[in-house]
C-alpha cells in the first residue's frame, strides 16, 4: 500500500509541476511573446507538452493502481485521474488522497532501520 501511494504521490507532483510550467508558459507566451504564431514558439515549449502527455500516462497508471488497492469508487477514481489534466489540481487531488488514506489508517509506519 505504501509503495502504491508513494508512486502516485511522485507522479502527481511531477505531472503537476510539468503541467503548471507548461500552462504558465502558454499564458505568458500568448499574452506577451506572440505564441499565436507557431514559428515563434521554441522547440522546448513543444517538448514540454509532449513530456506532460507521457508523464500523464504514468500518472494514470499510478492512480488506477492506487484506486484499485484502496477500493475507491469509479467517480472518485475518475476525479483523481482527471486532476492530472487541470493545472494545479493534481496537487489538490494528492492532498485529498493523502488525507483520506491517513484517516483510514492505511499508511502504516515506516519499518525501523535494520
PDB file of N, CA and C in Angstrom:
ATOM      1  N   UNK A   1       0.816  -1.192   0.000  1.00  0.00           N
ATOM      2  CA  UNK A   1       0.000   0.000   0.000  1.00  0.00           C
ATOM      3  C   UNK A   1       0.859   1.254   0.000  1.00  0.00           C
ATOM      4  N   UNK A   2       1.875   1.250   0.824  1.00  0.00           N
ATOM      5  CA  UNK A   2       2.747   2.414   0.932  1.00  0.00           C
ATOM      6  C   UNK A   2       3.450   2.698  -0.391  1.00  0.00           C
ATOM      7  N   UNK A   3       3.876   1.641  -1.094  1.00  0.00           N
ATOM      8  CA  UNK A   3       4.550   1.811  -2.378  1.00  0.00           C
ATOM      9  C   UNK A   3       3.632   2.386  -3.441  1.00  0.00           C
ATOM     10  N   UNK A   4       2.390   1.930  -3.483  1.00  0.00           N
ATOM     11  CA  UNK A   4       1.430   2.441  -4.461  1.00  0.00           C
ATOM     12  C   UNK A   4       1.143   3.917  -4.205  1.00  0.00           C
ATOM     13  N   UNK A   5       1.009   4.285  -2.935  1.00  0.00           N
ATOM     14  CA  UNK A   5       0.757   5.686  -2.616  1.00  0.00           C
ATOM     15  C   UNK A   5       1.972   6.542  -2.949  1.00  0.00           C
ATOM     16  N   UNK A   6       3.166   6.042  -2.673  1.00  0.00           N
ATOM     17  CA  UNK A   6       4.379   6.804  -2.993  1.00  0.00           C
ATOM     18  C   UNK A   6       4.509   7.008  -4.499  1.00  0.00           C
ATOM     19  N   UNK A   7       4.227   5.966  -5.281  1.00  0.00           N
ATOM     20  CA  UNK A   7       4.272   6.113  -6.746  1.00  0.00           C
ATOM     21  C   UNK A   7       3.255   7.147  -7.221  1.00  0.00           C
ATOM     22  N   UNK A   8       2.050   7.074  -6.677  1.00  0.00           N
ATOM     23  CA  UNK A   8       1.025   8.051  -7.056  1.00  0.00           C
ATOM     24  C   UNK A   8       1.451   9.461  -6.662  1.00  0.00           C
ATOM     25  N   UNK A   9       1.976   9.594  -5.473  1.00  0.00           N
ATOM     26  CA  UNK A   9       2.365  10.921  -4.977  1.00  0.00           C
ATOM     27  C   UNK A   9       3.466  11.541  -5.830  1.00  0.00           C
ATOM     28  N   UNK A  10       4.468  10.748  -6.171  1.00  0.00           N
ATOM     29  CA  UNK A  10       5.555  11.252  -7.018  1.00  0.00           C
ATOM     30  C   UNK A  10       5.011  11.662  -8.380  1.00  0.00           C
ATOM     31  N   UNK A  11       4.174  10.823  -8.971  1.00  0.00           N
ATOM     32  CA  UNK A  11       3.643  11.150 -10.297  1.00  0.00           C
ATOM     33  C   UNK A  11       2.700  12.348 -10.243  1.00  0.00           C
ATOM     34  N   UNK A  12       1.964  12.521  -9.164  1.00  0.00           N
ATOM     35  CA  UNK A  12       1.087  13.682  -9.032  1.00  0.00           C
ATOM     36  C   UNK A  12       1.910  14.959  -9.008  1.00  0.00           C
ATOM     37  N   UNK A  13       3.007  14.954  -8.253  1.00  0.00           N
ATOM     38  CA  UNK A  13       3.841  16.148  -8.178  1.00  0.00           C
ATOM     39  C   UNK A  13       4.575  16.406  -9.484  1.00  0.00           C
ATOM     40  N   UNK A  14       5.162  15.383 -10.071  1.00  0.00           N
ATOM     41  CA  UNK A  14       5.915  15.575 -11.314  1.00  0.00           C
ATOM     42  C   UNK A  14       4.983  16.029 -12.428  1.00  0.00           C
ATOM     43  N   UNK A  15       3.862  15.363 -12.585  1.00  0.00           N
ATOM     44  CA  UNK A  15       2.899  15.742 -13.618  1.00  0.00           C
ATOM     45  C   UNK A  15       2.359  17.143 -13.358  1.00  0.00           C
ATOM     46  N   UNK A  16       2.076  17.446 -12.113  1.00  0.00           N
ATOM     47  CA  UNK A  16       1.552  18.765 -11.761  1.00  0.00           C
ATOM     48  C   UNK A  16       2.535  19.883 -12.036  1.00  0.00           C
ATOM     49  N   UNK A  17       3.807  19.655 -11.725  1.00  0.00           N
ATOM     50  CA  UNK A  17       4.821  20.684 -11.967  1.00  0.00           C
ATOM     51  C   UNK A  17       5.001  20.906 -13.460  1.00  0.00           C
ATOM     52  N   UNK A  18       5.104  19.842 -14.233  1.00  0.00           N
ATOM     53  CA  UNK A  18       5.288  19.983 -15.684  1.00  0.00           C
ATOM     54  C   UNK A  18       4.076  20.673 -16.302  1.00  0.00           C
ATOM     55  N   UNK A  19       2.875  20.300 -15.887  1.00  0.00           N
ATOM     56  CA  UNK A  19       1.681  20.933 -16.425  1.00  0.00           C
ATOM     57  C   UNK A  19       1.595  22.397 -16.007  1.00  0.00           C
ATOM     58  N   UNK A  20       1.944  22.706 -14.770  1.00  0.00           N
ATOM     59  CA  UNK A  20       1.896  24.088 -14.302  1.00  0.00           C
ATOM     60  C   UNK A  20       2.883  24.965 -15.080  1.00  0.00           C
ATOM     61  N   UNK A  21       4.100  24.464 -15.293  1.00  0.00           N
ATOM     62  CA  UNK A  21       5.099  25.225 -16.055  1.00  0.00           C
ATOM     63  C   UNK A  21       4.616  25.422 -17.490  1.00  0.00           C
ATOM     64  N   UNK A  22       4.104  24.378 -18.105  1.00  0.00           N
ATOM     65  CA  UNK A  22       3.620  24.489 -19.485  1.00  0.00           C
ATOM     66  C   UNK A  22       2.438  25.444 -19.575  1.00  0.00           C
ATOM     67  N   UNK A  23       1.546  25.399 -18.606  1.00  0.00           N
ATOM     68  CA  UNK A  23       0.374  26.278 -18.630  1.00  0.00           C
ATOM     69  C   UNK A  23       0.769  27.736 -18.444  1.00  0.00           C
ATOM     70  N   UNK A  24       1.636  28.004 -17.482  1.00  0.00           N
ATOM     71  CA  UNK A  24       2.089  29.380 -17.261  1.00  0.00           C
ATOM     72  C   UNK A  24       2.826  29.885 -18.495  1.00  0.00           C
ATOM     73  N   UNK A  25       3.657  29.023 -19.082  1.00  0.00           N
ATOM     74  CA  UNK A  25       4.381  29.393 -20.299  1.00  0.00           C
ATOM     75  C   UNK A  25       3.396  29.669 -21.435  1.00  0.00           C
ATOM     76  N   UNK A  26       2.325  28.893 -21.526  1.00  0.00           N
ATOM     77  CA  UNK A  26       1.294  29.103 -22.540  1.00  0.00           C
ATOM     78  C   UNK A  26       0.641  30.468 -22.374  1.00  0.00           C
ATOM     79  N   UNK A  27       0.221  30.788 -21.153  1.00  0.00           N
ATOM     80  CA  UNK A  27      -0.471  32.050 -20.906  1.00  0.00           C
ATOM     81  C   UNK A  27       0.461  33.233 -21.159  1.00  0.00           C
ATOM     82  N   UNK A  28       1.651  33.178 -20.592  1.00  0.00           N
ATOM     83  CA  UNK A  28       2.604  34.281 -20.776  1.00  0.00           C
ATOM     84  C   UNK A  28       3.005  34.396 -22.243  1.00  0.00           C
ATOM     85  N   UNK A  29       3.220  33.277 -22.884  1.00  0.00           N
ATOM     86  CA  UNK A  29       3.608  33.290 -24.289  1.00  0.00           C
ATOM     87  C   UNK A  29       2.545  33.893 -25.183  1.00  0.00           C
ATOM     88  N   UNK A  30       1.314  33.571 -24.936  1.00  0.00           N
ATOM     89  CA  UNK A  30       0.239  34.122 -25.773  1.00  0.00           C
ATOM     90  C   UNK A  30      -0.011  35.596 -25.476  1.00  0.00           C
ATOM     91  N   UNK A  31       0.157  35.992 -24.220  1.00  0.00           N
ATOM     92  CA  UNK A  31      -0.106  37.382 -23.864  1.00  0.00           C
ATOM     93  C   UNK A  31       1.032  38.327 -24.259  1.00  0.00           C
ATOM     94  N   UNK A  32       2.278  37.871 -24.093  1.00  0.00           N
ATOM     95  CA  UNK A  32       3.399  38.794 -24.239  1.00  0.00           C
ATOM     96  C   UNK A  32       4.398  38.439 -25.341  1.00  0.00           C
ATOM     97  N   UNK A  33       4.507  37.172 -25.724  1.00  0.00           N
ATOM     98  CA  UNK A  33       5.579  36.773 -26.629  1.00  0.00           C
ATOM     99  C   UNK A  33       5.103  36.379 -28.016  1.00  0.00           C
ATOM    100  N   UNK A  34       3.848  36.516 -28.313  1.00  0.00           N
ATOM    101  CA  UNK A  34       3.332  36.244 -29.651  1.00  0.00           C
ATOM    102  C   UNK A  34       3.337  34.780 -30.050  1.00  0.00           C
ATOM    103  N   UNK A  35       2.957  33.900 -29.134  1.00  0.00           N
ATOM    104  CA  UNK A  35       2.953  32.463 -29.435  1.00  0.00           C
ATOM    105  C   UNK A  35       1.760  32.039 -30.285  1.00  0.00           C
ATOM    106  N   UNK A  36       0.911  32.990 -30.702  1.00  0.00           N
ATOM    107  CA  UNK A  36      -0.168  32.606 -31.608  1.00  0.00           C
ATOM    108  C   UNK A  36       0.422  32.067 -32.905  1.00  0.00           C
ATOM    109  N   UNK A  37       1.552  32.647 -33.294  1.00  0.00           N
ATOM    110  CA  UNK A  37       2.277  32.194 -34.483  1.00  0.00           C
ATOM    111  C   UNK A  37       3.147  31.007 -34.074  1.00  0.00           C
ATOM    112  N   UNK A  38       2.939  29.866 -34.695  1.00  0.00           N
ATOM    113  CA  UNK A  38       3.667  28.645 -34.323  1.00  0.00           C
ATOM    114  C   UNK A  38       5.169  28.795 -34.527  1.00  0.00           C
ATOM    115  N   UNK A  39       5.597  29.630 -35.458  1.00  0.00           N
ATOM    116  CA  UNK A  39       7.028  29.814 -35.712  1.00  0.00           C
ATOM    117  C   UNK A  39       7.726  30.533 -34.561  1.00  0.00           C
ATOM    118  N   UNK A  40       6.970  31.229 -33.736  1.00  0.00           N
ATOM    119  CA  UNK A  40       7.560  31.980 -32.615  1.00  0.00           C
ATOM    120  C   UNK A  40       7.836  31.093 -31.400  1.00  0.00           C
ATOM    121  N   UNK A  41       7.210  29.926 -31.348  1.00  0.00           N
ATOM    122  CA  UNK A  41       7.357  29.054 -30.178  1.00  0.00           C
ATOM    123  C   UNK A  41       8.680  28.293 -30.236  1.00  0.00           C
ATOM    124  N   UNK A  42       9.431  28.283 -29.137  1.00  0.00           N
ATOM    125  CA  UNK A  42      10.655  27.480 -29.125  1.00  0.00           C
ATOM    126  C   UNK A  42      10.336  25.983 -29.084  1.00  0.00           C
ATOM    127  N   UNK A  43      11.290  25.170 -29.501  1.00  0.00           N
ATOM    128  CA  UNK A  43      11.082  23.717 -29.536  1.00  0.00           C
ATOM    129  C   UNK A  43      10.849  23.159 -28.130  1.00  0.00           C
ATOM    130  N   UNK A  44      11.503  23.746 -27.142  1.00  0.00           N
ATOM    131  CA  UNK A  44      11.355  23.273 -25.766  1.00  0.00           C
ATOM    132  C   UNK A  44       9.897  23.361 -25.310  1.00  0.00           C
ATOM    133  N   UNK A  45       9.191  24.351 -25.795  1.00  0.00           N
ATOM    134  CA  UNK A  45       7.781  24.513 -25.445  1.00  0.00           C
ATOM    135  C   UNK A  45       6.973  23.291 -25.895  1.00  0.00           C
ATOM    136  N   UNK A  46       7.200  22.848 -27.105  1.00  0.00           N
ATOM    137  CA  UNK A  46       6.503  21.662 -27.613  1.00  0.00           C
ATOM    138  C   UNK A  46       6.917  20.402 -26.876  1.00  0.00           C
ATOM    139  N   UNK A  47       8.208  20.287 -26.581  1.00  0.00           N
ATOM    140  CA  UNK A  47       8.696  19.116 -25.852  1.00  0.00           C
ATOM    141  C   UNK A  47       8.100  19.042 -24.453  1.00  0.00           C
ATOM    142  N   UNK A  48       7.845  20.203 -23.864  1.00  0.00           N
ATOM    143  CA  UNK A  48       7.252  20.222 -22.529  1.00  0.00           C
ATOM    144  C   UNK A  48       5.845  19.622 -22.552  1.00  0.00           C
ATOM    145  N   UNK A  49       5.070  19.936 -23.588  1.00  0.00           N
ATOM    146  CA  UNK A  49       3.728  19.367 -23.701  1.00  0.00           C
ATOM    147  C   UNK A  49       3.785  17.872 -24.010  1.00  0.00           C
ATOM    148  N   UNK A  50       4.755  17.464 -24.803  1.00  0.00           N
ATOM    149  CA  UNK A  50       4.926  16.027 -25.067  1.00  0.00           C
ATOM    150  C   UNK A  50       5.297  15.303 -23.778  1.00  0.00           C
ATOM    151  N   UNK A  51       6.191  15.898 -23.005  1.00  0.00           N
ATOM    152  CA  UNK A  51       6.583  15.301 -21.719  1.00  0.00           C
ATOM    153  C   UNK A  51       5.379  15.176 -20.794  1.00  0.00           C
ATOM    154  N   UNK A  52       4.526  16.191 -20.778  1.00  0.00           N
ATOM    155  CA  UNK A  52       3.342  16.111 -19.930  1.00  0.00           C
ATOM    156  C   UNK A  52       2.448  14.948 -20.372  1.00  0.00           C
ATOM    157  N   UNK A  53       2.328  14.748 -21.666  1.00  0.00           N
ATOM    158  CA  UNK A  53       1.499  13.640 -22.151  1.00  0.00           C
ATOM    159  C   UNK A  53       1.995  12.289 -21.672  1.00  0.00           C
ATOM    160  N   UNK A  54       3.294  12.065 -21.774  1.00  0.00           N
ATOM    161  CA  UNK A  54       3.857  10.788 -21.319  1.00  0.00           C
ATOM    162  C   UNK A  54       3.802  10.667 -19.794  1.00  0.00           C
ATOM    163  N   UNK A  55       4.087  11.755 -19.107  1.00  0.00           N
ATOM    164  CA  UNK A  55       4.022  11.714 -17.641  1.00  0.00           C
ATOM    165  C   UNK A  55       2.586  11.521 -17.166  1.00  0.00           C
ATOM    166  N   UNK A  56       1.642  12.082 -17.892  1.00  0.00           N
ATOM    167  CA  UNK A  56       0.241  11.893 -17.528  1.00  0.00           C
ATOM    168  C   UNK A  56      -0.165  10.430 -17.672  1.00  0.00           C
ATOM    169  N   UNK A  57       0.362   9.770 -18.686  1.00  0.00           N
ATOM    170  CA  UNK A  57       0.080   8.340 -18.834  1.00  0.00           C
ATOM    171  C   UNK A  57       0.586   7.575 -17.612  1.00  0.00           C
ATOM    172  N   UNK A  58       1.787   7.878 -17.145  1.00  0.00           N
ATOM    173  CA  UNK A  58       2.318   7.220 -15.948  1.00  0.00           C
ATOM    174  C   UNK A  58       1.496   7.587 -14.710  1.00  0.00           C
ATOM    175  N   UNK A  59       1.019   8.829 -14.670  1.00  0.00           N
ATOM    176  CA  UNK A  59       0.134   9.267 -13.586  1.00  0.00           C
ATOM    177  C   UNK A  59      -1.156   8.442 -13.582  1.00  0.00           C
ATOM    178  N   UNK A  60      -1.699   8.186 -14.774  1.00  0.00           N
ATOM    179  CA  UNK A  60      -2.903   7.359 -14.869  1.00  0.00           C
ATOM    180  C   UNK A  60      -2.663   5.959 -14.332  1.00  0.00           C
ATOM    181  N   UNK A  61      -1.537   5.368 -14.703  1.00  0.00           N
ATOM    182  CA  UNK A  61      -1.210   4.014 -14.239  1.00  0.00           C
ATOM    183  C   UNK A  61      -1.093   3.998 -12.721  1.00  0.00           C
ATOM    184  N   UNK A  62      -0.369   4.982 -12.164  1.00  0.00           N
ATOM    185  CA  UNK A  62      -0.194   5.040 -10.709  1.00  0.00           C
ATOM    186  C   UNK A  62      -1.519   5.317 -10.011  1.00  0.00           C
ATOM    187  N   UNK A  63      -2.351   6.174 -10.595  1.00  0.00           N
ATOM    188  CA  UNK A  63      -3.645   6.494  -9.991  1.00  0.00           C
ATOM    189  C   UNK A  63      -4.605   5.314  -9.991  1.00  0.00           C
ATOM    190  N   UNK A  64      -4.649   4.587 -11.096  1.00  0.00           N
ATOM    191  CA  UNK A  64      -5.528   3.411 -11.173  1.00  0.00           C
ATOM    192  C   UNK A  64      -5.045   2.330 -10.209  1.00  0.00           C
ATOM    193  N   UNK A  65      -3.744   2.133 -10.139  1.00  0.00           N
ATOM    194  CA  UNK A  65      -3.185   1.145  -9.206  1.00  0.00           C
ATOM    195  C   UNK A  65      -3.583   1.488  -7.771  1.00  0.00           C
ATOM    196  N   UNK A  66      -3.424   2.744  -7.394  1.00  0.00           N
ATOM    197  CA  UNK A  66      -3.779   3.161  -6.042  1.00  0.00           C
ATOM    198  C   UNK A  66      -5.283   3.024  -5.801  1.00  0.00           C
ATOM    199  N   UNK A  67      -6.088   3.433  -6.776  1.00  0.00           N
ATOM    200  CA  UNK A  67      -7.542   3.372  -6.612  1.00  0.00           C
ATOM    201  C   UNK A  67      -8.027   1.936  -6.439  1.00  0.00           C
ATOM    202  N   UNK A  68      -7.432   0.989  -7.171  1.00  0.00           N
ATOM    203  CA  UNK A  68      -7.810  -0.413  -7.001  1.00  0.00           C
ATOM    204  C   UNK A  68      -7.408  -0.933  -5.630  1.00  0.00           C
ATOM    205  N   UNK A  69      -6.231  -0.559  -5.178  1.00  0.00           N
ATOM    206  CA  UNK A  69      -5.774  -1.040  -3.866  1.00  0.00           C
ATOM    207  C   UNK A  69      -6.613  -0.479  -2.723  1.00  0.00           C
ATOM    208  N   UNK A  70      -7.045   0.779  -2.850  1.00  0.00           N
ATOM    209  CA  UNK A  70      -7.841   1.410  -1.793  1.00  0.00           C
ATOM    210  C   UNK A  70      -9.326   1.102  -1.965  1.00  0.00           C
ATOM    211  N   UNK A  71      -9.690   0.644  -3.160  1.00  0.00           N
ATOM    212  CA  UNK A  71     -11.080   0.341  -3.498  1.00  0.00           C
ATOM    213  C   UNK A  71     -11.938   1.601  -3.545  1.00  0.00           C
ATOM    214  N   UNK A  72     -11.429   2.587  -4.271  1.00  0.00           N
ATOM    215  CA  UNK A  72     -12.200   3.809  -4.492  1.00  0.00           C
ATOM    216  C   UNK A  72     -13.341   3.535  -5.461  1.00  0.00           C
ATOM    217  N   UNK A  73     -14.373   4.352  -5.382  1.00  0.00           N
ATOM    218  CA  UNK A  73     -15.489   4.242  -6.319  1.00  0.00           C
ATOM    219  C   UNK A  73     -15.026   4.721  -7.702  1.00  0.00           C
ATOM    220  N   UNK A  74     -15.835   4.436  -8.694  1.00  0.00           N
ATOM    221  CA  UNK A  74     -15.491   4.833 -10.067  1.00  0.00           C
ATOM    222  C   UNK A  74     -15.420   6.356 -10.173  1.00  0.00           C
ATOM    223  N   UNK A  75     -16.355   7.056  -9.554  1.00  0.00           N
ATOM    224  CA  UNK A  75     -16.355   8.517  -9.637  1.00  0.00           C
ATOM    225  C   UNK A  75     -15.142   9.132  -8.959  1.00  0.00           C
ATOM    226  N   UNK A  76     -14.781   8.611  -7.811  1.00  0.00           N
ATOM    227  CA  UNK A  76     -13.614   9.136  -7.108  1.00  0.00           C
ATOM    228  C   UNK A  76     -12.346   8.836  -7.909  1.00  0.00           C
ATOM    229  N   UNK A  77     -12.277   7.662  -8.505  1.00  0.00           N
ATOM    230  CA  UNK A  77     -11.129   7.304  -9.340  1.00  0.00           C
ATOM    231  C   UNK A  77     -11.033   8.236 -10.541  1.00  0.00           C
ATOM    232  N   UNK A  78     -12.149   8.464 -11.203  1.00  0.00           N
ATOM    233  CA  UNK A  78     -12.144   9.373 -12.358  1.00  0.00           C
ATOM    234  C   UNK A  78     -11.766  10.788 -11.956  1.00  0.00           C
ATOM    235  N   UNK A  79     -12.217  11.243 -10.812  1.00  0.00           N
ATOM    236  CA  UNK A  79     -11.861  12.583 -10.341  1.00  0.00           C
ATOM    237  C   UNK A  79     -10.354  12.695 -10.109  1.00  0.00           C
ATOM    238  N   UNK A  80      -9.769  11.657  -9.533  1.00  0.00           N
ATOM    239  CA  UNK A  80      -8.323  11.653  -9.309  1.00  0.00           C
ATOM    240  C   UNK A  80      -7.583  11.663 -10.640  1.00  0.00           C
ATOM    241  N   UNK A  81      -8.053  10.887 -11.597  1.00  0.00           N
ATOM    242  CA  UNK A  81      -7.370  10.787 -12.882  1.00  0.00           C
ATOM    243  C   UNK A  81      -7.497  12.066 -13.706  1.00  0.00           C
ATOM    244  N   UNK A  82      -8.651  12.686 -13.675  1.00  0.00           N
ATOM    245  CA  UNK A  82      -8.855  13.928 -14.428  1.00  0.00           C
ATOM    246  C   UNK A  82      -8.059  15.085 -13.816  1.00  0.00           C
ATOM    247  N   UNK A  83      -7.750  14.992 -12.533  1.00  0.00           N
ATOM    248  CA  UNK A  83      -6.992  16.057 -11.874  1.00  0.00           C
ATOM    249  C   UNK A  83      -5.629  16.284 -12.526  1.00  0.00           C
ATOM    250  N   UNK A  84      -5.105  15.293 -13.205  1.00  0.00           N
ATOM    251  CA  UNK A  84      -3.819  15.448 -13.874  1.00  0.00           C
ATOM    252  C   UNK A  84      -3.884  16.247 -15.153  1.00  0.00           C
ATOM    253  N   UNK A  85      -5.086  16.610 -15.593  1.00  0.00           N
ATOM    254  CA  UNK A  85      -5.227  17.395 -16.818  1.00  0.00           C
ATOM    255  C   UNK A  85      -5.556  18.855 -16.543  1.00  0.00           C
ATOM    256  N   UNK A  86      -5.892  19.180 -15.315  1.00  0.00           N
ATOM    257  CA  UNK A  86      -6.233  20.551 -14.946  1.00  0.00           C
ATOM    258  C   UNK A  86      -5.046  21.143 -14.194  1.00  0.00           C
ATOM    259  N   UNK A  87      -4.534  22.297 -14.649  1.00  0.00           N
ATOM    260  CA  UNK A  87      -3.367  22.866 -13.976  1.00  0.00           C
ATOM    261  C   UNK A  87      -3.592  23.052 -12.478  1.00  0.00           C
ATOM    262  N   UNK A  88      -2.624  22.614 -11.700  1.00  0.00           N
ATOM    263  CA  UNK A  88      -2.562  22.727 -10.239  1.00  0.00           C
ATOM    264  C   UNK A  88      -3.523  21.796  -9.499  1.00  0.00           C
ATOM    265  N   UNK A  89      -4.393  21.065 -10.188  1.00  0.00           N
ATOM    266  CA  UNK A  89      -5.352  20.203  -9.495  1.00  0.00           C
ATOM    267  C   UNK A  89      -4.748  18.884  -9.035  1.00  0.00           C
ATOM    268  N   UNK A  90      -3.654  18.451  -9.638  1.00  0.00           N
ATOM    269  CA  UNK A  90      -3.046  17.203  -9.166  1.00  0.00           C
ATOM    270  C   UNK A  90      -2.508  17.370  -7.749  1.00  0.00           C
ATOM    271  N   UNK A  91      -2.102  18.597  -7.398  1.00  0.00           N
ATOM    272  CA  UNK A  91      -1.641  18.849  -6.032  1.00  0.00           C
ATOM    273  C   UNK A  91      -2.807  18.747  -5.057  1.00  0.00           C
ATOM    274  N   UNK A  92      -3.950  19.270  -5.444  1.00  0.00           N
ATOM    275  CA  UNK A  92      -5.144  19.215  -4.601  1.00  0.00           C
ATOM    276  C   UNK A  92      -5.601  17.761  -4.451  1.00  0.00           C
ATOM    277  N   UNK A  93      -5.635  17.034  -5.558  1.00  0.00           N
ATOM    278  CA  UNK A  93      -6.060  15.633  -5.505  1.00  0.00           C
ATOM    279  C   UNK A  93      -5.114  14.808  -4.633  1.00  0.00           C
ATOM    280  N   UNK A  94      -3.828  15.039  -4.768  1.00  0.00           N
ATOM    281  CA  UNK A  94      -2.861  14.294  -3.951  1.00  0.00           C
ATOM    282  C   UNK A  94      -3.076  14.590  -2.476  1.00  0.00           C
ATOM    283  N   UNK A  95      -3.324  15.847  -2.142  1.00  0.00           N
ATOM    284  CA  UNK A  95      -3.564  16.221  -0.747  1.00  0.00           C
ATOM    285  C   UNK A  95      -4.810  15.528  -0.197  1.00  0.00           C
ATOM    286  N   UNK A  96      -5.874  15.519  -0.993  1.00  0.00           N
ATOM    287  CA  UNK A  96      -7.116  14.884  -0.536  1.00  0.00           C
ATOM    288  C   UNK A  96      -6.961  13.373  -0.408  1.00  0.00           C
ATOM    289  N   UNK A  97      -6.235  12.753  -1.335  1.00  0.00           N
ATOM    290  CA  UNK A  97      -5.992  11.311  -1.247  1.00  0.00           C
ATOM    291  C   UNK A  97      -5.150  11.004  -0.014  1.00  0.00           C
ATOM    292  N   UNK A  98      -4.128  11.815   0.233  1.00  0.00           N
ATOM    293  CA  UNK A  98      -3.277  11.604   1.405  1.00  0.00           C
ATOM    294  C   UNK A  98      -4.091  11.730   2.688  1.00  0.00           C
ATOM    295  N   UNK A  99      -4.958  12.731   2.743  1.00  0.00           N
ATOM    296  CA  UNK A  99      -5.796  12.916   3.927  1.00  0.00           C
ATOM    297  C   UNK A  99      -6.748  11.736   4.113  1.00  0.00           C
ATOM    298  N   UNK A 100      -7.311  11.230   3.026  1.00  0.00           N
ATOM    299  CA  UNK A 100      -8.229  10.095   3.099  1.00  0.00           C
ATOM    300  C   UNK A 100      -7.508   8.824   3.548  1.00  0.00           C
ATOM    301  N   UNK A 101      -6.333   8.599   2.988  1.00  0.00           N
ATOM    302  CA  UNK A 101      -5.581   7.392   3.360  1.00  0.00           C
ATOM    303  C   UNK A 101      -5.155   7.454   4.825  1.00  0.00           C
ATOM    304  N   UNK A 102      -4.721   8.632   5.260  1.00  0.00           N
ATOM    305  CA  UNK A 102      -4.316   8.775   6.663  1.00  0.00           C
ATOM    306  C   UNK A 102      -5.509   8.582   7.590  1.00  0.00           C
ATOM    307  N   UNK A 103      -6.674   9.101   7.213  1.00  0.00           N
ATOM    308  CA  UNK A 103      -7.873   8.951   8.047  1.00  0.00           C
ATOM    309  C   UNK A 103      -8.303   7.489   8.143  1.00  0.00           C
ATOM    310  N   UNK A 104      -8.104   6.734   7.075  1.00  0.00           N
ATOM    311  CA  UNK A 104      -8.455   5.313   7.089  1.00  0.00           C
ATOM    312  C   UNK A 104      -7.418   4.465   7.842  1.00  0.00           C
ATOM    313  N   UNK A 105      -6.290   5.061   8.147  1.00  0.00           N
ATOM    314  CA  UNK A 105      -5.233   4.323   8.847  1.00  0.00           C
ATOM    315  C   UNK A 105      -4.483   3.363   7.942  1.00  0.00           C
ATOM    316  N   UNK A 106      -4.479   3.632   6.643  1.00  0.00           N
ATOM    317  CA  UNK A 106      -3.827   2.729   5.687  1.00  0.00           C
ATOM    318  C   UNK A 106      -2.353   3.010   5.513  1.00  0.00           C
ATOM    319  N   UNK A 107      -1.873   4.127   6.017  1.00  0.00           N
ATOM    320  CA  UNK A 107      -0.442   4.421   5.911  1.00  0.00           C
ATOM    321  C   UNK A 107       0.257   3.838   7.131  1.00  0.00           C
ATOM    322  N   UNK A 108       0.747   2.641   6.968  1.00  0.00           N
ATOM    323  CA  UNK A 108       1.457   2.011   8.062  1.00  0.00           C
ATOM    324  C   UNK A 108       2.785   2.723   8.251  1.00  0.00           C
ATOM    325  N   UNK A 109       3.249   2.798   9.476  1.00  0.00           N
ATOM    326  CA  UNK A 109       4.524   3.481   9.726  1.00  0.00           C
ATOM    327  C   UNK A 109       5.672   2.781   8.993  1.00  0.00           C
ATOM    328  N   UNK A 110       6.683   3.564   8.707  1.00  0.00           N
ATOM    329  CA  UNK A 110       7.846   3.006   8.022  1.00  0.00           C
ATOM    330  C   UNK A 110       8.523   1.983   8.933  1.00  0.00           C
ATOM    331  N   UNK A 111       9.034   0.918   8.339  1.00  0.00           N
ATOM    332  CA  UNK A 111       9.704  -0.090   9.163  1.00  0.00           C
ATOM    333  C   UNK A 111      10.982   0.478   9.763  1.00  0.00           C
ATOM    334  N   UNK A 112      11.346   0.016  10.942  1.00  0.00           N
ATOM    335  CA  UNK A 112      12.567   0.537  11.571  1.00  0.00           C
ATOM    336  C   UNK A 112      13.799   0.095  10.764  1.00  0.00           C
ATOM    337  N   UNK A 113      14.821   0.927  10.781  1.00  0.00           N
ATOM    338  CA  UNK A 113      16.034   0.553  10.030  1.00  0.00           C
ATOM    339  C   UNK A 113      16.696  -0.679  10.649  1.00  0.00           C
ATOM    340  N   UNK A 114      17.354  -1.480   9.831  1.00  0.00           N
ATOM    341  CA  UNK A 114      17.966  -2.714  10.361  1.00  0.00           C
ATOM    342  C   UNK A 114      19.164  -2.457  11.240  1.00  0.00           C
TER     343      UNK A 114
END
